[in-house]
Amino acid sequence: MADYFIYVQALSLFLSMIRLFKFFQFQPRLNLVSTTLARSLIDVAHFLVTFAVMLAIFSGVGALWFGARVEGFQSFYNAFITMFSWSLGAFVTTELFAKHVMLGPVFFVIFVITNYIVMLNLFLGIVLDSYDIETSLMKQLAEQESVYTQLRSIAYRSLYAVGAKLHALVTG
């Protein structure tokens, strides 16, 4: 029961952190991040479907080729976890290379080329295209103040108001 409470707390914290993006709207340069992510959301969702299919294909091939001899490929599920780990950069290939001297490295190189050269650049292209659109829209609106200049002007106005009240008190 205590585990569920921890899971609910973690979910609540995650949702609260996501809501922080709402507060970026007060400053256009900070809002650029959240609007870029929002604009690219549909394209990223389609990319994730393509990425999952690519992982499934490599997992199936890996399970068929290496499943009998390599622990990370014994089932489709294990192969999928292995492929996902490779996608995140956890390259544990010693058993694969030792038991499949020729086919193991070829499979690994093809996966790395497909995943890191093609898929990663495709993902970056999607996000950077949305970023380019958002920056051009921001430039069309006008030159916006940075957070520093906004805070500086707030501080000057506050100090001026305090100074004016002190002056009125002294002279008044």
N, C-alpha and C. Protein backbone atom coordinates (compact mmCIF):
# COMPACT_ATOMS: atom_id res chain seq x y z
N MET A 1 0.82 -1.20 0.00
CA MET A 1 0.00 0.00 0.00
C MET A 1 0.86 1.26 0.00
N ALA A 2 1.99 1.20 0.70
CA ALA A 2 2.88 2.35 0.77
C ALA A 2 3.50 2.64 -0.59
N ASP A 3 3.71 1.59 -1.39
CA ASP A 3 4.27 1.79 -2.73
C ASP A 3 3.33 2.62 -3.60
N TYR A 4 2.03 2.35 -3.50
CA TYR A 4 1.07 3.11 -4.29
C TYR A 4 1.07 4.59 -3.89
N PHE A 5 1.23 4.85 -2.60
CA PHE A 5 1.30 6.23 -2.14
C PHE A 5 2.52 6.94 -2.74
N ILE A 6 3.63 6.23 -2.80
CA ILE A 6 4.84 6.81 -3.38
C ILE A 6 4.64 7.06 -4.87
N TYR A 7 3.97 6.12 -5.57
CA TYR A 7 3.70 6.30 -6.99
C TYR A 7 2.80 7.50 -7.24
N VAL A 8 1.78 7.67 -6.40
CA VAL A 8 0.87 8.81 -6.53
C VAL A 8 1.62 10.11 -6.27
N GLN A 9 2.50 10.11 -5.28
CA GLN A 9 3.31 11.30 -5.00
C GLN A 9 4.21 11.63 -6.18
N ALA A 10 4.84 10.62 -6.75
CA ALA A 10 5.73 10.85 -7.89
C ALA A 10 4.94 11.39 -9.08
N LEU A 11 3.76 10.84 -9.34
CA LEU A 11 2.93 11.33 -10.44
C LEU A 11 2.49 12.76 -10.18
N SER A 12 2.13 13.06 -8.95
CA SER A 12 1.73 14.43 -8.60
C SER A 12 2.88 15.40 -8.79
N LEU A 13 4.07 15.01 -8.38
CA LEU A 13 5.24 15.87 -8.57
C LEU A 13 5.53 16.08 -10.04
N PHE A 14 5.43 15.02 -10.85
CA PHE A 14 5.67 15.13 -12.29
C PHE A 14 4.66 16.08 -12.94
N LEU A 15 3.38 15.94 -12.60
CA LEU A 15 2.36 16.83 -13.17
C LEU A 15 2.54 18.27 -12.72
N SER A 16 2.98 18.45 -11.48
CA SER A 16 3.25 19.81 -11.00
C SER A 16 4.41 20.44 -11.76
N MET A 17 5.42 19.64 -12.07
CA MET A 17 6.56 20.17 -12.82
C MET A 17 6.15 20.51 -14.26
N ILE A 18 5.26 19.71 -14.84
CA ILE A 18 4.76 20.01 -16.18
C ILE A 18 3.99 21.32 -16.18
N ARG A 19 3.25 21.57 -15.10
CA ARG A 19 2.47 22.81 -15.01
C ARG A 19 3.38 24.05 -14.92
N LEU A 20 4.65 23.85 -14.57
CA LEU A 20 5.57 24.99 -14.51
C LEU A 20 5.73 25.65 -15.88
N PHE A 21 5.55 24.87 -16.95
CA PHE A 21 5.65 25.45 -18.28
C PHE A 21 4.59 26.53 -18.49
N LYS A 22 3.47 26.43 -17.78
CA LYS A 22 2.43 27.45 -17.88
C LYS A 22 2.95 28.82 -17.42
N PHE A 23 3.82 28.79 -16.43
CA PHE A 23 4.33 30.05 -15.88
C PHE A 23 5.40 30.68 -16.78
N PHE A 24 5.85 29.95 -17.79
CA PHE A 24 6.80 30.52 -18.74
C PHE A 24 6.14 31.51 -19.68
N GLN A 25 4.82 31.54 -19.70
CA GLN A 25 4.11 32.40 -20.64
C GLN A 25 4.31 33.88 -20.34
N PHE A 26 4.71 34.22 -19.12
CA PHE A 26 4.88 35.63 -18.78
C PHE A 26 6.05 36.26 -19.52
N GLN A 27 6.99 35.44 -19.96
CA GLN A 27 8.17 35.97 -20.64
C GLN A 27 8.32 35.25 -21.97
N PRO A 28 8.27 35.98 -23.08
CA PRO A 28 8.25 35.35 -24.40
C PRO A 28 9.43 34.45 -24.71
N ARG A 29 10.61 34.79 -24.22
CA ARG A 29 11.78 33.95 -24.53
C ARG A 29 11.71 32.61 -23.79
N LEU A 30 11.17 32.61 -22.59
CA LEU A 30 10.97 31.34 -21.87
C LEU A 30 9.80 30.57 -22.47
N ASN A 31 8.80 31.29 -22.94
CA ASN A 31 7.63 30.67 -23.55
C ASN A 31 8.01 29.95 -24.85
N LEU A 32 9.12 30.33 -25.44
CA LEU A 32 9.57 29.72 -26.69
C LEU A 32 9.77 28.22 -26.53
N VAL A 33 10.26 27.79 -25.37
CA VAL A 33 10.49 26.36 -25.13
C VAL A 33 9.18 25.60 -25.14
N SER A 34 8.21 26.07 -24.37
CA SER A 34 6.95 25.34 -24.28
C SER A 34 6.16 25.40 -25.59
N THR A 35 6.21 26.51 -26.30
CA THR A 35 5.49 26.57 -27.58
C THR A 35 6.17 25.71 -28.64
N THR A 36 7.49 25.61 -28.59
CA THR A 36 8.19 24.71 -29.52
C THR A 36 7.81 23.27 -29.26
N LEU A 37 7.78 22.86 -28.00
CA LEU A 37 7.39 21.50 -27.67
C LEU A 37 5.94 21.23 -28.05
N ALA A 38 5.08 22.19 -27.81
CA ALA A 38 3.66 22.01 -28.16
C ALA A 38 3.48 21.91 -29.68
N ARG A 39 4.20 22.74 -30.43
CA ARG A 39 4.08 22.72 -31.89
C ARG A 39 4.59 21.39 -32.47
N SER A 40 5.61 20.82 -31.88
CA SER A 40 6.21 19.60 -32.43
C SER A 40 5.58 18.33 -31.87
N LEU A 41 4.60 18.44 -31.02
CA LEU A 41 4.03 17.28 -30.33
C LEU A 41 3.45 16.23 -31.28
N ILE A 42 2.69 16.63 -32.27
CA ILE A 42 2.06 15.68 -33.19
C ILE A 42 3.13 14.99 -34.04
N ASP A 43 4.09 15.76 -34.53
CA ASP A 43 5.15 15.16 -35.33
C ASP A 43 6.02 14.22 -34.50
N VAL A 44 6.27 14.58 -33.25
CA VAL A 44 7.05 13.71 -32.37
C VAL A 44 6.27 12.42 -32.08
N ALA A 45 4.96 12.52 -31.93
CA ALA A 45 4.15 11.31 -31.71
C ALA A 45 4.26 10.37 -32.91
N HIS A 46 4.20 10.92 -34.13
CA HIS A 46 4.37 10.08 -35.31
C HIS A 46 5.78 9.49 -35.38
N PHE A 47 6.76 10.28 -34.99
CA PHE A 47 8.13 9.78 -34.94
C PHE A 47 8.25 8.62 -33.96
N LEU A 48 7.61 8.75 -32.78
CA LEU A 48 7.70 7.68 -31.78
C LEU A 48 7.07 6.38 -32.28
N VAL A 49 6.02 6.48 -33.07
CA VAL A 49 5.43 5.28 -33.67
C VAL A 49 6.44 4.64 -34.62
N THR A 50 7.07 5.46 -35.45
CA THR A 50 8.09 4.95 -36.37
C THR A 50 9.26 4.34 -35.61
N PHE A 51 9.67 4.99 -34.55
CA PHE A 51 10.78 4.51 -33.73
C PHE A 51 10.42 3.16 -33.08
N ALA A 52 9.19 3.04 -32.57
CA ALA A 52 8.76 1.78 -31.96
C ALA A 52 8.72 0.65 -32.99
N VAL A 53 8.28 0.96 -34.20
CA VAL A 53 8.27 -0.06 -35.25
C VAL A 53 9.70 -0.48 -35.59
N MET A 54 10.60 0.49 -35.67
CA MET A 54 12.00 0.17 -35.95
C MET A 54 12.59 -0.71 -34.85
N LEU A 55 12.30 -0.39 -33.59
CA LEU A 55 12.78 -1.22 -32.49
C LEU A 55 12.17 -2.62 -32.55
N ALA A 56 10.89 -2.71 -32.91
CA ALA A 56 10.24 -4.02 -33.00
C ALA A 56 10.86 -4.86 -34.11
N ILE A 57 11.18 -4.25 -35.23
CA ILE A 57 11.81 -4.99 -36.33
C ILE A 57 13.18 -5.52 -35.90
N PHE A 58 14.01 -4.66 -35.33
CA PHE A 58 15.32 -5.10 -34.86
C PHE A 58 15.20 -6.13 -33.74
N SER A 59 14.19 -5.99 -32.89
CA SER A 59 13.99 -6.96 -31.81
C SER A 59 13.61 -8.32 -32.37
N GLY A 60 12.73 -8.35 -33.35
CA GLY A 60 12.34 -9.61 -33.96
C GLY A 60 13.50 -10.29 -34.66
N VAL A 61 14.25 -9.52 -35.42
CA VAL A 61 15.42 -10.08 -36.11
C VAL A 61 16.45 -10.56 -35.10
N GLY A 62 16.70 -9.78 -34.06
CA GLY A 62 17.66 -10.17 -33.04
C GLY A 62 17.23 -11.42 -32.29
N ALA A 63 15.94 -11.52 -31.97
CA ALA A 63 15.45 -12.71 -31.27
C ALA A 63 15.58 -13.95 -32.15
N LEU A 64 15.32 -13.81 -33.45
CA LEU A 64 15.44 -14.96 -34.35
C LEU A 64 16.90 -15.37 -34.56
N TRP A 65 17.77 -14.40 -34.78
CA TRP A 65 19.16 -14.71 -35.08
C TRP A 65 19.96 -15.14 -33.85
N PHE A 66 19.76 -14.42 -32.73
CA PHE A 66 20.64 -14.61 -31.58
C PHE A 66 19.96 -15.21 -30.36
N GLY A 67 18.66 -15.46 -30.42
CA GLY A 67 17.90 -15.88 -29.25
C GLY A 67 18.36 -17.18 -28.62
N ALA A 68 18.86 -18.09 -29.41
CA ALA A 68 19.26 -19.39 -28.87
C ALA A 68 20.56 -19.31 -28.07
N ARG A 69 21.39 -18.31 -28.34
CA ARG A 69 22.73 -18.30 -27.73
C ARG A 69 23.02 -17.06 -26.87
N VAL A 70 22.27 -15.98 -27.05
CA VAL A 70 22.56 -14.74 -26.33
C VAL A 70 21.39 -14.42 -25.39
N GLU A 71 21.70 -14.19 -24.12
CA GLU A 71 20.66 -14.00 -23.10
C GLU A 71 19.78 -12.78 -23.38
N GLY A 72 20.35 -11.71 -23.87
CA GLY A 72 19.57 -10.50 -24.12
C GLY A 72 18.60 -10.61 -25.27
N PHE A 73 18.64 -11.71 -26.01
CA PHE A 73 17.76 -11.89 -27.17
C PHE A 73 16.93 -13.17 -27.08
N GLN A 74 16.78 -13.76 -25.89
CA GLN A 74 16.09 -15.04 -25.74
C GLN A 74 14.61 -14.97 -26.09
N SER A 75 13.98 -13.84 -25.92
CA SER A 75 12.57 -13.66 -26.29
C SER A 75 12.43 -12.31 -26.97
N PHE A 76 11.28 -12.10 -27.57
CA PHE A 76 11.04 -10.81 -28.22
C PHE A 76 11.10 -9.69 -27.18
N TYR A 77 10.53 -9.93 -26.00
CA TYR A 77 10.54 -8.93 -24.94
C TYR A 77 11.98 -8.58 -24.53
N ASN A 78 12.81 -9.60 -24.28
CA ASN A 78 14.20 -9.35 -23.91
C ASN A 78 14.95 -8.62 -25.02
N ALA A 79 14.67 -9.00 -26.26
CA ALA A 79 15.33 -8.34 -27.38
C ALA A 79 14.89 -6.88 -27.48
N PHE A 80 13.60 -6.63 -27.22
CA PHE A 80 13.11 -5.25 -27.26
C PHE A 80 13.77 -4.41 -26.17
N ILE A 81 13.90 -4.97 -24.98
CA ILE A 81 14.57 -4.26 -23.88
C ILE A 81 16.03 -4.01 -24.24
N THR A 82 16.68 -4.99 -24.86
CA THR A 82 18.07 -4.82 -25.28
C THR A 82 18.20 -3.72 -26.33
N MET A 83 17.30 -3.73 -27.31
CA MET A 83 17.33 -2.70 -28.36
C MET A 83 17.07 -1.31 -27.77
N PHE A 84 16.12 -1.24 -26.84
CA PHE A 84 15.83 0.05 -26.21
C PHE A 84 17.03 0.52 -25.39
N SER A 85 17.70 -0.40 -24.70
CA SER A 85 18.90 -0.03 -23.94
C SER A 85 20.00 0.46 -24.88
N TRP A 86 20.15 -0.19 -26.01
CA TRP A 86 21.12 0.28 -27.00
C TRP A 86 20.75 1.67 -27.49
N SER A 87 19.46 1.93 -27.65
CA SER A 87 19.03 3.26 -28.11
C SER A 87 19.39 4.34 -27.11
N LEU A 88 19.41 3.96 -25.83
CA LEU A 88 19.77 4.92 -24.79
C LEU A 88 21.27 5.01 -24.55
N GLY A 89 22.04 4.17 -25.26
CA GLY A 89 23.49 4.24 -25.16
C GLY A 89 24.12 3.20 -24.28
N ALA A 90 23.34 2.26 -23.74
CA ALA A 90 23.89 1.20 -22.90
C ALA A 90 24.28 0.03 -23.80
N PHE A 91 25.47 0.09 -24.35
CA PHE A 91 25.93 -0.91 -25.31
C PHE A 91 26.63 -2.06 -24.58
N VAL A 92 25.87 -3.09 -24.21
CA VAL A 92 26.44 -4.29 -23.61
C VAL A 92 26.43 -5.34 -24.72
N THR A 93 27.57 -5.45 -25.40
CA THR A 93 27.63 -6.30 -26.59
C THR A 93 28.66 -7.40 -26.48
N THR A 94 29.29 -7.58 -25.32
CA THR A 94 30.37 -8.56 -25.23
C THR A 94 29.89 -9.98 -25.51
N GLU A 95 28.74 -10.36 -24.96
CA GLU A 95 28.21 -11.71 -25.19
C GLU A 95 27.81 -11.89 -26.65
N LEU A 96 27.19 -10.88 -27.24
CA LEU A 96 26.78 -10.95 -28.65
C LEU A 96 28.00 -11.09 -29.56
N PHE A 97 29.01 -10.29 -29.32
CA PHE A 97 30.21 -10.34 -30.17
C PHE A 97 31.00 -11.62 -29.96
N ALA A 98 30.97 -12.18 -28.74
CA ALA A 98 31.72 -13.40 -28.47
C ALA A 98 31.06 -14.63 -29.09
N LYS A 99 29.74 -14.66 -29.07
CA LYS A 99 29.04 -15.85 -29.57
C LYS A 99 28.69 -15.78 -31.05
N HIS A 100 28.66 -14.57 -31.59
CA HIS A 100 28.38 -14.39 -33.03
C HIS A 100 29.42 -13.41 -33.57
N VAL A 101 30.57 -13.96 -33.96
CA VAL A 101 31.72 -13.15 -34.32
C VAL A 101 31.46 -12.29 -35.55
N MET A 102 30.79 -12.81 -36.55
CA MET A 102 30.55 -12.04 -37.79
C MET A 102 29.21 -11.31 -37.76
N LEU A 103 28.14 -12.04 -37.46
CA LEU A 103 26.80 -11.47 -37.56
C LEU A 103 26.50 -10.48 -36.44
N GLY A 104 27.05 -10.69 -35.25
CA GLY A 104 26.82 -9.79 -34.12
C GLY A 104 27.27 -8.37 -34.38
N PRO A 105 28.55 -8.16 -34.78
CA PRO A 105 28.99 -6.79 -35.06
C PRO A 105 28.26 -6.15 -36.25
N VAL A 106 27.92 -6.94 -37.26
CA VAL A 106 27.19 -6.40 -38.41
C VAL A 106 25.81 -5.91 -37.97
N PHE A 107 25.13 -6.73 -37.18
CA PHE A 107 23.81 -6.35 -36.65
C PHE A 107 23.91 -5.08 -35.82
N PHE A 108 24.92 -5.03 -34.95
CA PHE A 108 25.11 -3.86 -34.09
C PHE A 108 25.39 -2.60 -34.90
N VAL A 109 26.25 -2.68 -35.89
CA VAL A 109 26.59 -1.51 -36.71
C VAL A 109 25.37 -1.03 -37.49
N ILE A 110 24.60 -1.95 -38.05
CA ILE A 110 23.40 -1.55 -38.79
C ILE A 110 22.40 -0.88 -37.85
N PHE A 111 22.27 -1.42 -36.62
CA PHE A 111 21.37 -0.79 -35.65
C PHE A 111 21.85 0.61 -35.29
N VAL A 112 23.13 0.76 -35.03
CA VAL A 112 23.66 2.06 -34.64
C VAL A 112 23.49 3.08 -35.78
N ILE A 113 23.77 2.67 -37.00
CA ILE A 113 23.59 3.58 -38.13
C ILE A 113 22.13 3.99 -38.26
N THR A 114 21.24 3.02 -38.18
CA THR A 114 19.82 3.32 -38.31
C THR A 114 19.33 4.20 -37.17
N ASN A 115 19.75 3.86 -35.96
CA ASN A 115 19.23 4.57 -34.80
C ASN A 115 19.86 5.94 -34.61
N TYR A 116 21.17 6.01 -34.67
CA TYR A 116 21.83 7.27 -34.33
C TYR A 116 22.01 8.20 -35.51
N ILE A 117 22.22 7.69 -36.67
CA ILE A 117 22.43 8.58 -37.81
C ILE A 117 21.11 8.98 -38.45
N VAL A 118 20.20 8.04 -38.59
CA VAL A 118 18.93 8.35 -39.26
C VAL A 118 17.88 8.86 -38.28
N MET A 119 17.55 8.04 -37.28
CA MET A 119 16.43 8.37 -36.39
C MET A 119 16.71 9.59 -35.50
N LEU A 120 17.90 9.69 -34.96
CA LEU A 120 18.22 10.84 -34.11
C LEU A 120 18.17 12.14 -34.91
N ASN A 121 18.72 12.11 -36.11
CA ASN A 121 18.67 13.32 -36.94
C ASN A 121 17.25 13.65 -37.37
N LEU A 122 16.43 12.65 -37.59
CA LEU A 122 15.03 12.89 -37.92
C LEU A 122 14.32 13.57 -36.75
N PHE A 123 14.57 13.08 -35.53
CA PHE A 123 13.97 13.68 -34.34
C PHE A 123 14.44 15.13 -34.17
N LEU A 124 15.73 15.35 -34.31
CA LEU A 124 16.25 16.72 -34.18
C LEU A 124 15.67 17.64 -35.25
N GLY A 125 15.50 17.11 -36.46
CA GLY A 125 14.90 17.90 -37.53
C GLY A 125 13.48 18.32 -37.20
N ILE A 126 12.71 17.41 -36.60
CA ILE A 126 11.32 17.74 -36.22
C ILE A 126 11.30 18.86 -35.19
N VAL A 127 12.10 18.73 -34.14
CA VAL A 127 12.10 19.72 -33.07
C VAL A 127 12.67 21.05 -33.56
N LEU A 128 13.75 21.01 -34.33
CA LEU A 128 14.36 22.25 -34.81
C LEU A 128 13.49 22.97 -35.83
N ASP A 129 12.72 22.23 -36.60
CA ASP A 129 11.77 22.86 -37.52
C ASP A 129 10.72 23.64 -36.73
N SER A 130 10.21 23.05 -35.68
CA SER A 130 9.24 23.74 -34.82
C SER A 130 9.87 24.94 -34.13
N TYR A 131 11.11 24.80 -33.72
CA TYR A 131 11.83 25.91 -33.09
C TYR A 131 12.00 27.07 -34.08
N ASP A 132 12.33 26.74 -35.31
CA ASP A 132 12.50 27.77 -36.34
C ASP A 132 11.20 28.52 -36.58
N ILE A 133 10.10 27.80 -36.64
CA ILE A 133 8.79 28.45 -36.84
C ILE A 133 8.47 29.36 -35.66
N GLU A 134 8.71 28.88 -34.45
CA GLU A 134 8.40 29.69 -33.27
C GLU A 134 9.29 30.92 -33.17
N THR A 135 10.57 30.81 -33.50
CA THR A 135 11.44 31.99 -33.43
C THR A 135 11.06 33.00 -34.49
N SER A 136 10.64 32.55 -35.68
CA SER A 136 10.22 33.51 -36.69
C SER A 136 8.93 34.21 -36.27
N LEU A 137 8.01 33.48 -35.61
CA LEU A 137 6.79 34.12 -35.10
C LEU A 137 7.12 35.11 -33.99
N MET A 138 8.08 34.76 -33.16
CA MET A 138 8.46 35.66 -32.08
C MET A 138 9.10 36.94 -32.61
N LYS A 139 9.90 36.80 -33.67
CA LYS A 139 10.53 37.99 -34.25
C LYS A 139 9.50 38.88 -34.93
N GLN A 140 8.44 38.28 -35.45
CA GLN A 140 7.40 39.06 -36.08
C GLN A 140 6.64 39.89 -35.06
N LEU A 141 6.49 39.36 -33.85
CA LEU A 141 5.74 40.10 -32.83
C LEU A 141 6.46 41.39 -32.46
N ALA A 142 7.73 41.26 -32.14
CA ALA A 142 8.55 42.44 -31.82
C ALA A 142 9.71 41.99 -30.96
N GLU A 143 10.62 42.90 -30.78
CA GLU A 143 11.72 42.63 -29.87
C GLU A 143 11.17 42.64 -28.46
N GLN A 144 11.35 41.52 -27.78
CA GLN A 144 10.82 41.38 -26.43
C GLN A 144 11.94 41.59 -25.42
N GLU A 145 11.52 42.04 -24.25
CA GLU A 145 12.49 42.22 -23.18
C GLU A 145 12.90 40.85 -22.63
N SER A 146 14.13 40.77 -22.15
CA SER A 146 14.58 39.55 -21.50
C SER A 146 14.12 39.57 -20.05
N VAL A 147 14.28 38.46 -19.37
CA VAL A 147 13.90 38.37 -17.96
C VAL A 147 14.72 39.37 -17.16
N TYR A 148 15.98 39.51 -17.50
CA TYR A 148 16.85 40.43 -16.77
C TYR A 148 16.34 41.87 -16.87
N THR A 149 16.00 42.30 -18.07
CA THR A 149 15.53 43.69 -18.21
C THR A 149 14.18 43.89 -17.57
N GLN A 150 13.31 42.87 -17.60
CA GLN A 150 12.03 43.00 -16.93
C GLN A 150 12.21 43.11 -15.42
N LEU A 151 13.06 42.25 -14.86
CA LEU A 151 13.30 42.31 -13.41
C LEU A 151 13.98 43.62 -13.00
N ARG A 152 14.89 44.10 -13.85
CA ARG A 152 15.56 45.36 -13.56
C ARG A 152 14.57 46.52 -13.56
N SER A 153 13.65 46.55 -14.53
CA SER A 153 12.68 47.63 -14.57
C SER A 153 11.71 47.55 -13.39
N ILE A 154 11.36 46.34 -12.97
CA ILE A 154 10.49 46.18 -11.80
C ILE A 154 11.21 46.68 -10.55
N ALA A 155 12.48 46.34 -10.43
CA ALA A 155 13.26 46.80 -9.27
C ALA A 155 13.39 48.32 -9.27
N TYR A 156 13.67 48.94 -10.42
CA TYR A 156 13.79 50.39 -10.49
C TYR A 156 12.47 51.07 -10.14
N ARG A 157 11.36 50.54 -10.67
CA ARG A 157 10.06 51.14 -10.36
C ARG A 157 9.74 51.00 -8.88
N SER A 158 10.09 49.85 -8.29
CA SER A 158 9.83 49.64 -6.86
C SER A 158 10.68 50.59 -6.02
N LEU A 159 11.96 50.70 -6.38
CA LEU A 159 12.83 51.61 -5.64
C LEU A 159 12.40 53.07 -5.81
N TYR A 160 11.95 53.43 -7.00
CA TYR A 160 11.47 54.79 -7.24
C TYR A 160 10.23 55.07 -6.40
N ALA A 161 9.32 54.08 -6.31
CA ALA A 161 8.11 54.26 -5.52
C ALA A 161 8.44 54.40 -4.04
N VAL A 162 9.38 53.60 -3.56
CA VAL A 162 9.80 53.70 -2.16
C VAL A 162 10.46 55.05 -1.92
N GLY A 163 11.30 55.47 -2.86
CA GLY A 163 11.96 56.78 -2.73
C GLY A 163 10.96 57.93 -2.74
N ALA A 164 9.95 57.82 -3.60
CA ALA A 164 8.94 58.88 -3.65
C ALA A 164 8.16 58.94 -2.36
N LYS A 165 7.82 57.79 -1.77
CA LYS A 165 7.10 57.78 -0.50
C LYS A 165 7.95 58.34 0.63
N LEU A 166 9.24 57.99 0.63
CA LEU A 166 10.14 58.55 1.65
C LEU A 166 10.29 60.06 1.49
N HIS A 167 10.38 60.49 0.24
CA HIS A 167 10.48 61.94 0.00
C HIS A 167 9.23 62.66 0.45
N ALA A 168 8.07 62.05 0.19
CA ALA A 168 6.82 62.67 0.62
C ALA A 168 6.71 62.69 2.14
N LEU A 169 7.20 61.66 2.79
CA LEU A 169 7.18 61.61 4.23
C LEU A 169 8.09 62.66 4.84
N VAL A 170 9.28 62.82 4.26
CA VAL A 170 10.27 63.77 4.78
C VAL A 170 9.82 65.19 4.54
N THR A 171 9.33 65.49 3.36
CA THR A 171 8.96 66.85 3.02
C THR A 171 7.54 67.20 3.46
N GLY A 172 6.79 66.19 3.74
CA GLY A 172 5.40 66.38 3.89
C GLY A 172 4.71 66.72 5.05
